[in-house]
Amino acid sequence: MLELIDLKVKYGQVEAIHGLNLTVNEGELVTILGSNGAGKTTTLMAVSGLVPVSSGEIRFEGRRLDTLRSHQVVGLGITQAPEGRRIFGPLTVSENLALGAFTRHRDRTAVARRLKWVYDLFPRLFERQAQMAGTLSGGEQQMLAIGRALMSEPRLLLLDEPSLGLAPLLVRGIFQTIRAINQAGVTIVLVEQNARAALKLADRGYVLEVGRLVMAGPAADLLHDPRIQTAYLGGGRTEGTAA
């Protein structure tokens, strides 16, 4: 479904992604791990058309993405819930969700059906639909960011650090919802600081270091790999993270 072929991305003269090759098959949940500055967010932004590609290709179902603008990428069925949520604070919950459906706004029946699904996934958003988004709790804002991304009926959902800054109980709920979204047929690429939780959830994983791919494989294998244990899971004794 998604292919990154020898992808390179630069910020000015600094190369942030160095010849990355990555694939995501339809229906999978794939996680990307790595420390701060590894290039995880840059990779998602490149797929979304938010940063220019220096060289290489990004393909979605065989079609080049790296030549398209971000709104065209969304129109093909790819959306992103970004790191830091980036909701529209002065707008209500329902207005934020409506903006997420801008590529589908002509089909009111489909939008209404999608809105119901989002509220079923996140009942708290239904309770808060008339509330200003900026007054929501951190967990509620994360629900809104994911819900907004779902409103355009994506086939591929990019999630960037959905558990960042949330209490453990809220994190558990967010991950359960991510699993439900994937089981509903949405392919997911997950960048996540909680490496243990991400690998338990994912089908496969990729590990980046300073913009380079250093490991890849089934998530269960990575979870038990001594190198992952040492680098991201506290040697297997504690709940380490990969930011």
Protein backbone atom coordinates (compact mmCIF):
# COMPACT_ATOMS: atom_id res chain seq x y z
CA MET A 1 0.00 0.00 0.00
CA LEU A 2 2.68 2.52 1.07
CA GLU A 3 6.26 2.43 -0.17
CA LEU A 4 9.18 4.70 0.70
CA ILE A 5 11.96 4.11 -1.79
CA ASP A 6 15.45 5.43 -1.00
CA LEU A 7 13.80 8.48 0.62
CA LYS A 8 15.94 11.48 1.50
CA VAL A 9 14.72 14.65 3.20
CA LYS A 10 16.75 17.78 3.97
CA TYR A 11 16.22 20.79 6.20
CA GLY A 12 18.42 23.33 4.48
CA GLN A 13 21.81 21.66 4.10
CA VAL A 14 21.14 19.12 6.84
CA GLU A 15 19.92 15.73 5.66
CA ALA A 16 17.36 14.39 8.15
CA ILE A 17 16.41 11.16 6.32
CA HIS A 18 19.14 9.15 4.61
CA GLY A 19 17.85 6.77 1.94
CA LEU A 20 14.96 5.25 3.88
CA ASN A 21 13.20 2.18 2.48
CA LEU A 22 9.94 1.21 4.17
CA THR A 23 6.73 -0.59 3.22
CA VAL A 24 3.29 -0.81 4.79
CA ASN A 25 0.81 -3.41 3.57
CA GLU A 26 -2.93 -2.86 3.50
CA GLY A 27 -4.55 -3.63 6.84
CA GLU A 28 -1.30 -3.57 8.82
CA LEU A 29 -0.41 -1.58 11.89
CA VAL A 30 3.25 -0.64 11.54
CA THR A 31 5.22 1.25 14.18
CA ILE A 32 8.30 3.43 13.72
CA LEU A 33 10.59 3.68 16.73
CA GLY A 34 13.68 5.71 17.50
CA SER A 35 15.13 8.29 19.85
CA ASN A 36 14.62 12.04 19.59
CA GLY A 37 15.93 13.33 16.28
CA ALA A 38 15.80 9.93 14.61
CA GLY A 39 13.58 11.23 11.80
CA LYS A 40 10.28 9.60 12.74
CA THR A 41 8.12 12.74 12.55
CA THR A 42 9.93 13.90 9.42
CA THR A 43 9.05 10.59 7.77
CA LEU A 44 5.35 11.05 8.49
CA MET A 45 5.45 14.68 7.36
CA ALA A 46 7.06 13.64 4.09
CA VAL A 47 4.28 11.11 3.46
CA SER A 48 1.69 13.81 4.21
CA GLY A 49 3.35 16.25 1.81
CA LEU A 50 4.26 18.69 4.58
CA VAL A 51 8.02 18.66 3.91
CA PRO A 52 9.69 18.40 0.50
CA VAL A 53 11.52 15.24 -0.54
CA SER A 54 15.12 15.73 -1.64
CA SER A 55 15.29 12.48 -3.57
CA GLY A 56 13.70 9.07 -3.70
CA GLU A 57 10.01 8.27 -3.97
CA ILE A 58 6.91 7.86 -1.85
CA ARG A 59 4.21 5.69 -3.40
CA PHE A 60 0.67 4.97 -2.27
CA GLU A 61 -0.94 2.08 -4.13
CA GLY A 62 1.59 2.63 -6.89
CA ARG A 63 0.96 6.36 -7.25
CA ARG A 64 3.68 8.92 -6.50
CA LEU A 65 2.90 11.04 -3.45
CA ASP A 66 6.07 13.10 -3.28
CA THR A 67 4.95 15.25 -6.21
CA LEU A 68 1.59 16.13 -4.61
CA ARG A 69 0.44 18.87 -2.25
CA SER A 70 -0.76 17.92 1.21
CA HIS A 71 -4.48 18.41 0.44
CA GLN A 72 -4.10 16.11 -2.56
CA VAL A 73 -2.55 13.46 -0.31
CA VAL A 74 -5.56 13.72 2.00
CA GLY A 75 -7.83 13.37 -1.01
CA LEU A 76 -6.21 10.03 -1.83
CA GLY A 77 -7.13 8.68 1.60
CA ILE A 78 -4.17 9.50 3.88
CA THR A 79 -4.55 11.60 7.02
CA GLN A 80 -2.36 12.40 10.00
CA ALA A 81 -2.96 13.09 13.68
CA PRO A 82 0.18 15.16 14.36
CA GLU A 83 2.47 15.27 17.35
CA GLY A 84 1.21 17.85 19.84
CA ARG A 85 -2.41 17.36 18.61
CA ARG A 86 -2.63 20.80 16.90
CA ILE A 87 -6.35 21.11 17.28
CA PHE A 88 -8.11 24.42 16.66
CA GLY A 89 -8.52 25.68 20.21
CA PRO A 90 -10.97 28.56 19.53
CA LEU A 91 -13.36 26.19 17.70
CA THR A 92 -15.75 23.68 19.25
CA VAL A 93 -15.24 19.95 19.18
CA SER A 94 -17.89 19.54 16.48
CA GLU A 95 -16.34 22.33 14.38
CA ASN A 96 -12.92 20.67 14.59
CA LEU A 97 -14.43 17.39 13.43
CA ALA A 98 -16.27 19.12 10.60
CA LEU A 99 -12.98 20.57 9.35
CA GLY A 100 -11.57 17.06 9.25
CA ALA A 101 -14.26 16.14 6.73
CA PHE A 102 -13.54 18.97 4.29
CA THR A 103 -12.63 16.54 1.48
CA ARG A 104 -15.97 14.75 1.97
CA HIS A 105 -18.24 17.70 2.74
CA ARG A 106 -20.44 17.23 -0.34
CA ASP A 107 -21.55 13.80 0.86
CA ARG A 108 -23.53 14.77 3.95
CA THR A 109 -24.76 11.23 4.55
CA ALA A 110 -21.21 9.88 4.60
CA VAL A 111 -20.05 12.69 6.89
CA ALA A 112 -22.91 12.05 9.32
CA ARG A 113 -22.11 8.34 9.33
CA ARG A 114 -18.45 9.06 9.96
CA LEU A 115 -19.26 11.50 12.76
CA LYS A 116 -21.35 8.86 14.49
CA TRP A 117 -18.45 6.40 14.28
CA VAL A 118 -16.06 8.93 15.78
CA TYR A 119 -18.48 9.64 18.64
CA ASP A 120 -18.90 5.89 19.17
CA LEU A 121 -15.11 5.53 19.39
CA PHE A 122 -14.80 8.54 21.68
CA PRO A 123 -18.00 9.03 23.71
CA ARG A 124 -16.30 11.85 25.61
CA LEU A 125 -16.21 13.89 22.41
CA PHE A 126 -19.96 13.48 22.02
CA GLU A 127 -20.40 14.81 25.54
CA ARG A 128 -18.08 17.75 24.76
CA GLN A 129 -19.21 18.49 21.18
CA ALA A 130 -20.23 22.09 21.95
CA GLN A 131 -17.16 22.80 24.11
CA MET A 132 -14.23 24.89 22.90
CA ALA A 133 -11.46 22.50 21.97
CA GLY A 134 -8.82 24.55 23.76
CA THR A 135 -10.53 23.90 27.11
CA LEU A 136 -10.40 20.10 26.78
CA SER A 137 -8.03 17.99 28.83
CA GLY A 138 -4.91 16.60 27.20
CA GLY A 139 -6.49 13.19 26.73
CA GLU A 140 -9.64 14.69 25.24
CA GLN A 141 -7.57 16.78 22.85
CA GLN A 142 -5.77 13.65 21.68
CA MET A 143 -9.11 11.97 21.09
CA LEU A 144 -10.17 14.99 19.06
CA ALA A 145 -6.97 14.98 16.99
CA ILE A 146 -7.48 11.32 16.08
CA GLY A 147 -11.21 11.81 15.51
CA ARG A 148 -10.57 14.76 13.22
CA ALA A 149 -8.13 12.66 11.18
CA LEU A 150 -10.75 9.93 10.83
CA MET A 151 -13.45 12.25 9.50
CA SER A 152 -12.14 12.13 5.93
CA GLU A 153 -12.50 8.33 5.87
CA PRO A 154 -8.78 7.59 5.49
CA ARG A 155 -7.50 4.25 4.32
CA LEU A 156 -4.10 5.07 5.81
CA LEU A 157 -3.87 6.84 9.18
CA LEU A 158 -0.58 8.33 10.41
CA LEU A 159 -0.38 8.72 14.19
CA ASP A 160 2.47 10.75 15.67
CA GLU A 161 3.09 10.22 19.41
CA PRO A 162 -0.56 9.72 20.45
CA SER A 163 0.35 8.89 24.07
CA LEU A 164 2.72 11.82 24.63
CA GLY A 165 2.01 13.60 27.91
CA LEU A 166 -0.94 11.41 28.89
CA ALA A 167 -1.52 9.55 32.15
CA PRO A 168 -1.10 5.73 31.96
CA LEU A 169 -4.83 5.07 32.27
CA LEU A 170 -5.57 7.39 29.33
CA VAL A 171 -2.75 5.84 27.32
CA ARG A 172 -4.35 2.41 27.74
CA GLY A 173 -7.64 3.74 26.41
CA ILE A 174 -6.00 5.45 23.43
CA PHE A 175 -4.18 2.25 22.46
CA GLN A 176 -7.37 0.21 22.73
CA THR A 177 -9.04 2.67 20.36
CA ILE A 178 -6.11 2.52 17.92
CA ARG A 179 -6.51 -1.25 17.84
CA ALA A 180 -10.25 -0.87 17.16
CA ILE A 181 -9.57 1.56 14.31
CA ASN A 182 -7.12 -0.88 12.73
CA GLN A 183 -9.53 -3.78 13.17
CA ALA A 184 -12.17 -1.69 11.38
CA GLY A 185 -9.97 -1.81 8.27
CA VAL A 186 -7.84 1.33 8.55
CA THR A 187 -4.13 0.79 7.88
CA ILE A 188 -2.02 2.59 10.50
CA VAL A 189 1.53 3.89 10.78
CA LEU A 190 2.28 4.63 14.42
CA VAL A 191 5.16 6.74 15.72
CA GLU A 192 5.15 6.25 19.47
CA GLN A 193 7.36 7.03 22.48
CA ASN A 194 6.11 3.99 24.41
CA ALA A 195 8.07 1.35 22.54
CA ARG A 196 6.76 -1.60 24.54
CA ALA A 197 3.09 -0.68 24.01
CA ALA A 198 3.66 0.10 20.33
CA LEU A 199 5.37 -3.23 19.62
CA LYS A 200 2.67 -5.16 21.47
CA LEU A 201 0.07 -3.47 19.28
CA ALA A 202 1.84 -3.52 15.91
CA ASP A 203 2.28 -6.17 13.24
CA ARG A 204 5.74 -4.96 12.21
CA GLY A 205 8.21 -2.32 13.27
CA TYR A 206 11.03 -0.15 11.94
CA VAL A 207 13.78 1.42 14.06
CA LEU A 208 15.46 4.64 12.95
CA GLU A 209 18.68 6.19 14.23
CA VAL A 210 19.69 9.64 13.02
CA GLY A 211 17.61 9.31 9.86
CA ARG A 212 18.80 5.82 8.97
CA LEU A 213 16.98 2.50 9.17
CA VAL A 214 18.86 0.21 11.57
CA MET A 215 16.34 -2.55 12.31
CA ALA A 216 13.09 -3.90 10.90
CA GLY A 217 10.95 -6.95 11.38
CA PRO A 218 7.89 -8.48 13.01
CA ALA A 219 6.92 -6.52 16.11
CA ALA A 220 7.07 -9.58 18.35
CA ASP A 221 10.66 -10.25 17.27
CA LEU A 222 11.70 -6.65 17.89
CA LEU A 223 10.04 -6.68 21.30
CA HIS A 224 12.29 -9.54 22.39
CA ASP A 225 15.44 -8.41 20.57
CA PRO A 226 18.22 -7.67 23.10
CA ARG A 227 19.20 -4.50 21.23
CA ILE A 228 15.66 -3.12 21.50
CA GLN A 229 15.47 -4.25 25.12
CA THR A 230 18.62 -2.31 25.94
CA ALA A 231 17.97 0.82 23.88
CA TYR A 232 14.24 1.35 24.38
CA LEU A 233 12.89 -1.00 27.03
CA GLY A 234 15.33 -0.50 29.87
CA GLY A 235 16.99 -3.85 29.36
CA GLY A 236 13.57 -5.51 29.63
CA ARG A 237 13.18 -4.54 33.29
CA THR A 238 11.33 -1.22 33.05
CA GLU A 239 8.84 0.55 30.84
CA GLY A 240 11.33 2.46 28.72
CA THR A 241 10.28 4.79 25.96
CA ALA A 242 11.45 5.80 22.51
CA ALA A 243 10.56 9.43 21.98
